[in-house]
Amino acid sequence: MRYLAFAAALLALPATAEEVGEVGVDWVGNDIIIEAIADPEVAGVTCHIAYFERSLIDRLSQGNWFEDPSNASIACRQTGPIELGAIDRSPGGEQVFRESRSIILKTLRIKRIFDEANQTLIYLVHAQELTEGSAKMSISTVPLYGATLASEQE
């Protein structure tokens, strides 16, 4: 029984990112990183996020050693047959992905919101800071034409 609970806890973990690209921005080594993230509750949907990563030289010369900017962009697309699992259907949605952007104070998050009236998934990427929120955000949508909904599978 304990193993079943452990397995269920592992399945509930947020999605993990896989780096699929890196673009050099300047001579000091600042980069734009591109990661792919498969939605753990919606088979057939993959999001790609792009964000800025500061180099060691930039950190030494500019100070603010432990922090990267909050800028991020997201694009989500259907990458296979869509099967909607047991997702949160509330207006606040649910967190799909979370990644630390500083030692303590800032995280990059992806939330999924289900727009039932328009049969569309909305993915929002934003930074969350301990001291203040960030107005820097990006959204992407995935229409659910012909998708298998969890309620239809029963």
N, C-alpha and C. Protein backbone atom coordinates (compact mmCIF):
# COMPACT_ATOMS: atom_id res chain seq x y z
N MET A 1 0.82 -1.19 0.00
CA MET A 1 0.00 0.00 0.00
C MET A 1 0.87 1.26 0.00
N ARG A 2 1.96 1.20 0.76
CA ARG A 2 2.86 2.34 0.84
C ARG A 2 3.48 2.64 -0.53
N TYR A 3 3.76 1.59 -1.32
CA TYR A 3 4.34 1.76 -2.64
C TYR A 3 3.35 2.43 -3.59
N LEU A 4 2.07 2.10 -3.44
CA LEU A 4 1.02 2.72 -4.26
C LEU A 4 0.94 4.22 -3.97
N ALA A 5 1.01 4.59 -2.71
CA ALA A 5 0.96 6.00 -2.33
C ALA A 5 2.18 6.74 -2.88
N PHE A 6 3.36 6.10 -2.83
CA PHE A 6 4.57 6.71 -3.35
C PHE A 6 4.47 6.89 -4.86
N ALA A 7 3.97 5.89 -5.56
CA ALA A 7 3.81 5.96 -7.01
C ALA A 7 2.81 7.07 -7.38
N ALA A 8 1.73 7.18 -6.63
CA ALA A 8 0.75 8.23 -6.89
C ALA A 8 1.36 9.61 -6.67
N ALA A 9 2.18 9.74 -5.64
CA ALA A 9 2.85 11.02 -5.37
C ALA A 9 3.80 11.38 -6.52
N LEU A 10 4.50 10.41 -7.05
CA LEU A 10 5.40 10.67 -8.16
C LEU A 10 4.64 11.12 -9.40
N LEU A 11 3.50 10.51 -9.64
CA LEU A 11 2.70 10.88 -10.81
C LEU A 11 2.13 12.28 -10.68
N ALA A 12 1.96 12.77 -9.46
CA ALA A 12 1.39 14.09 -9.24
C ALA A 12 2.42 15.21 -9.35
N LEU A 13 3.70 14.85 -9.53
CA LEU A 13 4.73 15.87 -9.65
C LEU A 13 4.51 16.72 -10.89
N PRO A 14 4.87 18.02 -10.83
CA PRO A 14 4.73 18.87 -12.00
C PRO A 14 5.65 18.38 -13.13
N ALA A 15 5.39 18.89 -14.31
CA ALA A 15 6.16 18.51 -15.49
C ALA A 15 7.62 18.90 -15.34
N THR A 16 8.47 18.21 -16.08
CA THR A 16 9.88 18.56 -16.12
C THR A 16 10.21 19.11 -17.49
N ALA A 17 11.21 19.95 -17.55
CA ALA A 17 11.61 20.59 -18.79
C ALA A 17 12.82 19.90 -19.38
N GLU A 18 12.85 19.87 -20.69
CA GLU A 18 14.00 19.33 -21.43
C GLU A 18 14.55 20.45 -22.31
N GLU A 19 15.82 20.79 -22.13
CA GLU A 19 16.42 21.84 -22.95
C GLU A 19 16.54 21.34 -24.39
N VAL A 20 15.99 22.12 -25.32
CA VAL A 20 16.03 21.74 -26.73
C VAL A 20 16.78 22.76 -27.59
N GLY A 21 17.14 23.90 -27.02
CA GLY A 21 17.88 24.90 -27.78
C GLY A 21 18.56 25.90 -26.88
N GLU A 22 19.62 26.51 -27.41
CA GLU A 22 20.36 27.54 -26.70
C GLU A 22 20.92 28.50 -27.75
N VAL A 23 20.58 29.78 -27.60
CA VAL A 23 21.01 30.79 -28.55
C VAL A 23 21.90 31.78 -27.83
N GLY A 24 23.14 31.94 -28.32
CA GLY A 24 24.06 32.92 -27.76
C GLY A 24 23.60 34.32 -28.11
N VAL A 25 23.56 35.21 -27.12
CA VAL A 25 23.05 36.57 -27.32
C VAL A 25 24.18 37.57 -27.53
N ASP A 26 25.27 37.42 -26.79
CA ASP A 26 26.35 38.40 -26.87
C ASP A 26 27.69 37.76 -26.55
N TRP A 27 28.74 38.56 -26.58
CA TRP A 27 30.10 38.04 -26.40
C TRP A 27 30.41 37.66 -24.96
N VAL A 28 29.61 38.10 -23.98
CA VAL A 28 29.90 37.76 -22.59
C VAL A 28 29.26 36.44 -22.17
N GLY A 29 28.51 35.81 -23.06
CA GLY A 29 27.97 34.49 -22.76
C GLY A 29 26.52 34.43 -22.29
N ASN A 30 25.81 35.56 -22.38
CA ASN A 30 24.38 35.52 -22.06
C ASN A 30 23.67 34.70 -23.13
N ASP A 31 22.68 33.91 -22.73
CA ASP A 31 22.02 33.01 -23.65
C ASP A 31 20.51 33.10 -23.51
N ILE A 32 19.82 32.68 -24.56
CA ILE A 32 18.38 32.41 -24.50
C ILE A 32 18.25 30.90 -24.53
N ILE A 33 17.59 30.36 -23.52
CA ILE A 33 17.40 28.91 -23.39
C ILE A 33 15.97 28.58 -23.83
N ILE A 34 15.84 27.50 -24.59
CA ILE A 34 14.52 27.03 -25.02
C ILE A 34 14.32 25.63 -24.46
N GLU A 35 13.20 25.45 -23.74
CA GLU A 35 12.89 24.16 -23.13
C GLU A 35 11.53 23.65 -23.60
N ALA A 36 11.41 22.33 -23.72
CA ALA A 36 10.14 21.68 -24.05
C ALA A 36 9.57 21.08 -22.77
N ILE A 37 8.26 21.27 -22.59
CA ILE A 37 7.58 20.77 -21.40
C ILE A 37 6.28 20.10 -21.85
N ALA A 38 6.19 18.80 -21.65
CA ALA A 38 4.95 18.08 -21.95
C ALA A 38 4.00 18.25 -20.78
N ASP A 39 2.75 18.58 -21.07
CA ASP A 39 1.77 18.73 -20.01
C ASP A 39 1.51 17.36 -19.39
N PRO A 40 1.73 17.19 -18.08
CA PRO A 40 1.58 15.87 -17.46
C PRO A 40 0.13 15.38 -17.38
N GLU A 41 -0.85 16.28 -17.50
CA GLU A 41 -2.26 15.89 -17.39
C GLU A 41 -3.00 15.94 -18.73
N VAL A 42 -2.33 16.42 -19.76
CA VAL A 42 -2.97 16.52 -21.08
C VAL A 42 -2.03 15.89 -22.11
N ALA A 43 -2.27 14.63 -22.41
CA ALA A 43 -1.45 13.95 -23.40
C ALA A 43 -1.64 14.65 -24.74
N GLY A 44 -0.55 14.80 -25.49
CA GLY A 44 -0.63 15.39 -26.81
C GLY A 44 -0.41 16.89 -26.85
N VAL A 45 -0.06 17.52 -25.71
CA VAL A 45 0.23 18.95 -25.70
C VAL A 45 1.65 19.15 -25.14
N THR A 46 2.44 19.92 -25.90
CA THR A 46 3.79 20.27 -25.47
C THR A 46 3.93 21.78 -25.52
N CYS A 47 4.52 22.35 -24.49
CA CYS A 47 4.81 23.79 -24.46
C CYS A 47 6.31 24.00 -24.60
N HIS A 48 6.67 25.05 -25.28
CA HIS A 48 8.07 25.47 -25.38
C HIS A 48 8.17 26.83 -24.72
N ILE A 49 9.12 26.96 -23.79
CA ILE A 49 9.36 28.26 -23.17
C ILE A 49 10.76 28.72 -23.54
N ALA A 50 10.90 30.02 -23.68
CA ALA A 50 12.20 30.64 -23.95
C ALA A 50 12.43 31.67 -22.84
N TYR A 51 13.64 31.66 -22.30
CA TYR A 51 13.97 32.62 -21.25
C TYR A 51 15.45 32.97 -21.32
N PHE A 52 15.79 34.08 -20.69
CA PHE A 52 17.14 34.62 -20.70
C PHE A 52 17.94 34.04 -19.54
N GLU A 53 19.17 33.64 -19.81
CA GLU A 53 20.06 33.13 -18.76
C GLU A 53 21.34 33.96 -18.77
N ARG A 54 21.65 34.57 -17.63
CA ARG A 54 22.83 35.43 -17.52
C ARG A 54 24.10 34.63 -17.39
N SER A 55 25.16 35.15 -17.98
CA SER A 55 26.47 34.50 -17.91
C SER A 55 27.21 34.87 -16.63
N LEU A 56 28.27 34.14 -16.35
CA LEU A 56 29.12 34.42 -15.20
C LEU A 56 29.74 35.81 -15.32
N ILE A 57 30.20 36.17 -16.52
CA ILE A 57 30.81 37.49 -16.73
C ILE A 57 29.80 38.60 -16.45
N ASP A 58 28.58 38.44 -16.95
CA ASP A 58 27.53 39.44 -16.72
C ASP A 58 27.20 39.56 -15.24
N ARG A 59 27.14 38.43 -14.55
CA ARG A 59 26.84 38.45 -13.11
C ARG A 59 27.94 39.18 -12.33
N LEU A 60 29.21 38.93 -12.69
CA LEU A 60 30.32 39.60 -12.01
C LEU A 60 30.35 41.10 -12.29
N SER A 61 30.09 41.48 -13.54
CA SER A 61 30.19 42.90 -13.90
C SER A 61 28.97 43.72 -13.47
N GLN A 62 27.80 43.11 -13.44
CA GLN A 62 26.57 43.85 -13.13
C GLN A 62 26.13 43.73 -11.67
N GLY A 63 26.70 42.79 -10.94
CA GLY A 63 26.20 42.54 -9.59
C GLY A 63 24.92 41.73 -9.67
N ASN A 64 24.10 41.78 -8.65
CA ASN A 64 22.85 41.03 -8.65
C ASN A 64 23.14 39.58 -9.04
N TRP A 65 24.08 39.00 -8.37
CA TRP A 65 24.69 37.71 -8.68
C TRP A 65 23.70 36.56 -8.84
N PHE A 66 22.69 36.50 -8.00
CA PHE A 66 21.86 35.30 -7.90
C PHE A 66 20.59 35.32 -8.74
N GLU A 67 20.38 36.33 -9.56
CA GLU A 67 19.08 36.46 -10.19
C GLU A 67 19.15 36.57 -11.71
N ASP A 68 18.18 35.94 -12.38
CA ASP A 68 17.98 36.08 -13.81
C ASP A 68 16.73 36.92 -14.03
N PRO A 69 16.62 37.57 -15.19
CA PRO A 69 15.41 38.37 -15.45
C PRO A 69 14.15 37.50 -15.47
N SER A 70 13.02 38.14 -15.32
CA SER A 70 11.74 37.42 -15.29
C SER A 70 11.18 37.16 -16.68
N ASN A 71 11.80 37.69 -17.71
CA ASN A 71 11.26 37.56 -19.06
C ASN A 71 11.16 36.11 -19.48
N ALA A 72 10.02 35.73 -20.04
CA ALA A 72 9.83 34.39 -20.59
C ALA A 72 8.73 34.47 -21.63
N SER A 73 8.83 33.59 -22.61
CA SER A 73 7.83 33.50 -23.65
C SER A 73 7.39 32.05 -23.75
N ILE A 74 6.15 31.80 -24.16
CA ILE A 74 5.63 30.44 -24.22
C ILE A 74 4.85 30.23 -25.52
N ALA A 75 4.96 29.03 -26.06
CA ALA A 75 4.13 28.60 -27.20
C ALA A 75 3.77 27.14 -26.93
N CYS A 76 2.48 26.84 -26.94
CA CYS A 76 2.01 25.47 -26.70
C CYS A 76 1.26 25.00 -27.94
N ARG A 77 1.50 23.73 -28.30
CA ARG A 77 0.87 23.17 -29.50
C ARG A 77 0.47 21.73 -29.27
N GLN A 78 -0.42 21.29 -30.11
CA GLN A 78 -0.80 19.88 -30.13
C GLN A 78 0.33 19.11 -30.80
N THR A 79 0.86 18.09 -30.11
CA THR A 79 1.97 17.30 -30.64
C THR A 79 1.59 15.83 -30.77
N GLY A 80 0.32 15.53 -30.59
CA GLY A 80 -0.21 14.18 -30.69
C GLY A 80 -1.69 14.22 -30.41
N PRO A 81 -2.34 13.05 -30.39
CA PRO A 81 -3.77 13.04 -30.04
C PRO A 81 -3.96 13.59 -28.62
N ILE A 82 -4.87 14.55 -28.47
CA ILE A 82 -5.08 15.17 -27.16
C ILE A 82 -6.03 14.32 -26.34
N GLU A 83 -5.58 14.00 -25.12
CA GLU A 83 -6.41 13.31 -24.14
C GLU A 83 -6.36 14.11 -22.86
N LEU A 84 -7.47 14.70 -22.53
CA LEU A 84 -7.57 15.56 -21.35
C LEU A 84 -7.79 14.70 -20.12
N GLY A 85 -6.83 14.72 -19.21
CA GLY A 85 -6.95 13.98 -17.96
C GLY A 85 -7.81 14.73 -16.96
N ALA A 86 -7.64 14.39 -15.71
CA ALA A 86 -8.41 15.02 -14.63
C ALA A 86 -7.75 16.35 -14.27
N ILE A 87 -8.05 17.38 -15.05
CA ILE A 87 -7.43 18.68 -14.82
C ILE A 87 -8.33 19.56 -13.95
N ASP A 88 -7.72 20.56 -13.34
CA ASP A 88 -8.45 21.55 -12.56
C ASP A 88 -9.23 22.43 -13.53
N ARG A 89 -10.53 22.53 -13.36
CA ARG A 89 -11.37 23.31 -14.27
C ARG A 89 -11.80 24.63 -13.66
N SER A 90 -11.21 25.00 -12.53
CA SER A 90 -11.57 26.27 -11.89
C SER A 90 -10.93 27.44 -12.65
N PRO A 91 -11.47 28.66 -12.46
CA PRO A 91 -10.92 29.82 -13.16
C PRO A 91 -9.44 30.09 -12.85
N GLY A 92 -8.96 29.65 -11.68
CA GLY A 92 -7.56 29.85 -11.32
C GLY A 92 -6.62 28.84 -11.96
N GLY A 93 -7.19 27.77 -12.51
CA GLY A 93 -6.37 26.76 -13.17
C GLY A 93 -5.44 26.03 -12.22
N GLU A 94 -4.41 25.42 -12.80
CA GLU A 94 -3.44 24.69 -11.98
C GLU A 94 -2.03 24.84 -12.53
N GLN A 95 -1.08 24.71 -11.64
CA GLN A 95 0.32 24.81 -12.01
C GLN A 95 0.76 23.55 -12.76
N VAL A 96 1.40 23.75 -13.90
CA VAL A 96 1.91 22.65 -14.71
C VAL A 96 3.42 22.50 -14.53
N PHE A 97 4.10 23.64 -14.32
CA PHE A 97 5.56 23.64 -14.27
C PHE A 97 6.02 24.76 -13.35
N ARG A 98 7.15 24.50 -12.68
CA ARG A 98 7.75 25.50 -11.79
C ARG A 98 9.26 25.33 -11.83
N GLU A 99 9.99 26.46 -11.96
CA GLU A 99 11.44 26.41 -12.00
C GLU A 99 12.00 27.63 -11.26
N SER A 100 12.96 27.41 -10.39
CA SER A 100 13.56 28.50 -9.63
C SER A 100 14.38 29.39 -10.55
N ARG A 101 14.25 30.71 -10.38
CA ARG A 101 15.00 31.67 -11.18
C ARG A 101 15.96 32.49 -10.31
N SER A 102 15.99 32.22 -9.02
CA SER A 102 16.96 32.80 -8.11
C SER A 102 17.04 31.85 -6.92
N ILE A 103 17.94 32.10 -6.00
CA ILE A 103 18.12 31.17 -4.90
C ILE A 103 16.85 31.00 -4.06
N ILE A 104 16.18 32.11 -3.73
CA ILE A 104 15.02 32.01 -2.85
C ILE A 104 13.80 32.74 -3.41
N LEU A 105 14.00 33.88 -3.99
CA LEU A 105 12.91 34.83 -4.16
C LEU A 105 12.06 34.71 -5.41
N LYS A 106 12.50 34.01 -6.46
CA LYS A 106 11.75 34.08 -7.70
C LYS A 106 11.63 32.71 -8.36
N THR A 107 10.43 32.42 -8.88
CA THR A 107 10.21 31.19 -9.64
C THR A 107 9.49 31.52 -10.95
N LEU A 108 9.79 30.75 -11.96
CA LEU A 108 9.10 30.82 -13.24
C LEU A 108 8.03 29.74 -13.21
N ARG A 109 6.79 30.10 -13.53
CA ARG A 109 5.68 29.15 -13.42
C ARG A 109 4.87 29.12 -14.70
N ILE A 110 4.33 27.93 -14.98
CA ILE A 110 3.35 27.78 -16.05
C ILE A 110 2.07 27.27 -15.42
N LYS A 111 0.98 27.99 -15.70
CA LYS A 111 -0.35 27.57 -15.22
C LYS A 111 -1.20 27.22 -16.44
N ARG A 112 -2.05 26.22 -16.26
CA ARG A 112 -3.01 25.83 -17.29
C ARG A 112 -4.40 26.20 -16.83
N ILE A 113 -5.16 26.89 -17.67
CA ILE A 113 -6.55 27.26 -17.37
C ILE A 113 -7.42 26.69 -18.49
N PHE A 114 -8.52 26.06 -18.11
CA PHE A 114 -9.43 25.46 -19.07
C PHE A 114 -10.57 26.43 -19.36
N ASP A 115 -10.67 26.88 -20.61
CA ASP A 115 -11.77 27.73 -21.05
C ASP A 115 -12.82 26.80 -21.64
N GLU A 116 -13.73 26.35 -20.78
CA GLU A 116 -14.70 25.33 -21.19
C GLU A 116 -15.64 25.84 -22.28
N ALA A 117 -16.07 27.09 -22.19
CA ALA A 117 -17.01 27.64 -23.17
C ALA A 117 -16.44 27.61 -24.58
N ASN A 118 -15.14 27.81 -24.70
CA ASN A 118 -14.50 27.83 -26.01
C ASN A 118 -13.69 26.57 -26.30
N GLN A 119 -13.77 25.58 -25.40
CA GLN A 119 -13.04 24.32 -25.54
C GLN A 119 -11.57 24.58 -25.91
N THR A 120 -10.92 25.35 -25.03
CA THR A 120 -9.53 25.76 -25.26
C THR A 120 -8.75 25.68 -23.95
N LEU A 121 -7.50 25.23 -24.05
CA LEU A 121 -6.59 25.28 -22.92
C LEU A 121 -5.75 26.54 -23.05
N ILE A 122 -5.61 27.27 -21.96
CA ILE A 122 -4.79 28.48 -21.93
C ILE A 122 -3.59 28.19 -21.04
N TYR A 123 -2.40 28.46 -21.54
CA TYR A 123 -1.17 28.28 -20.77
C TYR A 123 -0.57 29.66 -20.54
N LEU A 124 -0.29 29.97 -19.28
CA LEU A 124 0.26 31.27 -18.88
C LEU A 124 1.62 31.05 -18.23
N VAL A 125 2.65 31.73 -18.73
CA VAL A 125 3.95 31.69 -18.07
C VAL A 125 4.17 33.05 -17.41
N HIS A 126 4.62 33.02 -16.15
CA HIS A 126 4.86 34.26 -15.41
C HIS A 126 5.88 33.98 -14.31
N ALA A 127 6.45 35.06 -13.80
CA ALA A 127 7.35 34.93 -12.67
C ALA A 127 6.58 35.22 -11.40
N GLN A 128 6.94 34.52 -10.34
CA GLN A 128 6.36 34.80 -9.03
C GLN A 128 7.52 35.15 -8.12
N GLU A 129 7.43 36.33 -7.53
CA GLU A 129 8.47 36.80 -6.63
C GLU A 129 7.92 36.93 -5.23
N LEU A 130 8.79 36.69 -4.25
CA LEU A 130 8.39 36.78 -2.86
C LEU A 130 8.00 38.21 -2.48
N THR A 131 8.75 39.19 -2.98
CA THR A 131 8.51 40.57 -2.57
C THR A 131 7.46 41.28 -3.41
N GLU A 132 7.35 40.93 -4.69
CA GLU A 132 6.37 41.57 -5.56
C GLU A 132 6.12 40.69 -6.77
N GLY A 133 4.95 40.80 -7.34
CA GLY A 133 4.64 40.03 -8.54
C GLY A 133 5.33 40.63 -9.75
N SER A 134 5.35 39.92 -10.83
CA SER A 134 5.94 40.42 -12.05
C SER A 134 4.84 40.60 -13.09
N ALA A 135 4.85 41.72 -13.78
CA ALA A 135 3.87 41.97 -14.83
C ALA A 135 4.31 41.35 -16.15
N LYS A 136 5.48 40.74 -16.19
CA LYS A 136 5.97 40.13 -17.41
C LYS A 136 5.37 38.74 -17.53
N MET A 137 4.58 38.55 -18.60
CA MET A 137 3.90 37.27 -18.77
C MET A 137 3.70 37.01 -20.26
N SER A 138 3.35 35.78 -20.57
CA SER A 138 3.06 35.40 -21.94
C SER A 138 2.03 34.27 -21.89
N ILE A 139 1.10 34.24 -22.88
CA ILE A 139 0.12 33.15 -22.91
C ILE A 139 0.14 32.47 -24.27
N SER A 140 -0.34 31.25 -24.26
CA SER A 140 -0.52 30.47 -25.48
C SER A 140 -1.79 29.64 -25.29
N THR A 141 -2.47 29.35 -26.38
CA THR A 141 -3.71 28.57 -26.29
C THR A 141 -3.65 27.35 -27.19
N VAL A 142 -4.36 26.31 -26.79
CA VAL A 142 -4.48 25.08 -27.57
C VAL A 142 -5.96 24.75 -27.67
N PRO A 143 -6.53 24.80 -28.88
CA PRO A 143 -7.93 24.41 -29.04
C PRO A 143 -8.09 22.91 -28.89
N LEU A 144 -9.25 22.48 -28.41
CA LEU A 144 -9.49 21.07 -28.13
C LEU A 144 -10.39 20.40 -29.16
N TYR A 145 -10.26 20.75 -30.41
CA TYR A 145 -11.06 20.12 -31.46
C TYR A 145 -10.84 18.62 -31.45
N GLY A 146 -11.87 17.86 -31.23
CA GLY A 146 -11.79 16.40 -31.31
C GLY A 146 -11.02 15.74 -30.18
N ALA A 147 -10.72 16.47 -29.11
CA ALA A 147 -9.97 15.89 -28.00
C ALA A 147 -10.84 14.96 -27.18
N THR A 148 -10.20 13.98 -26.54
CA THR A 148 -10.91 13.07 -25.65
C THR A 148 -10.89 13.68 -24.26
N LEU A 149 -12.07 14.00 -23.73
CA LEU A 149 -12.18 14.59 -22.39
C LEU A 149 -12.31 13.49 -21.35
N ALA A 150 -11.82 13.74 -20.16
CA ALA A 150 -11.86 12.77 -19.08
C ALA A 150 -13.28 12.29 -18.82
N SER A 151 -14.28 13.16 -18.90
CA SER A 151 -15.67 12.77 -18.64
C SER A 151 -16.21 11.82 -19.72
N GLU A 152 -15.63 11.88 -20.93
CA GLU A 152 -16.06 11.02 -22.01
C GLU A 152 -15.47 9.61 -21.90
N GLN A 153 -14.37 9.47 -21.14
CA GLN A 153 -13.67 8.20 -21.04
C GLN A 153 -14.39 7.24 -20.09
N GLU A 154 -15.26 7.73 -19.25
CA GLU A 154 -15.92 6.91 -18.23
C GLU A 154 -17.06 6.10 -18.79
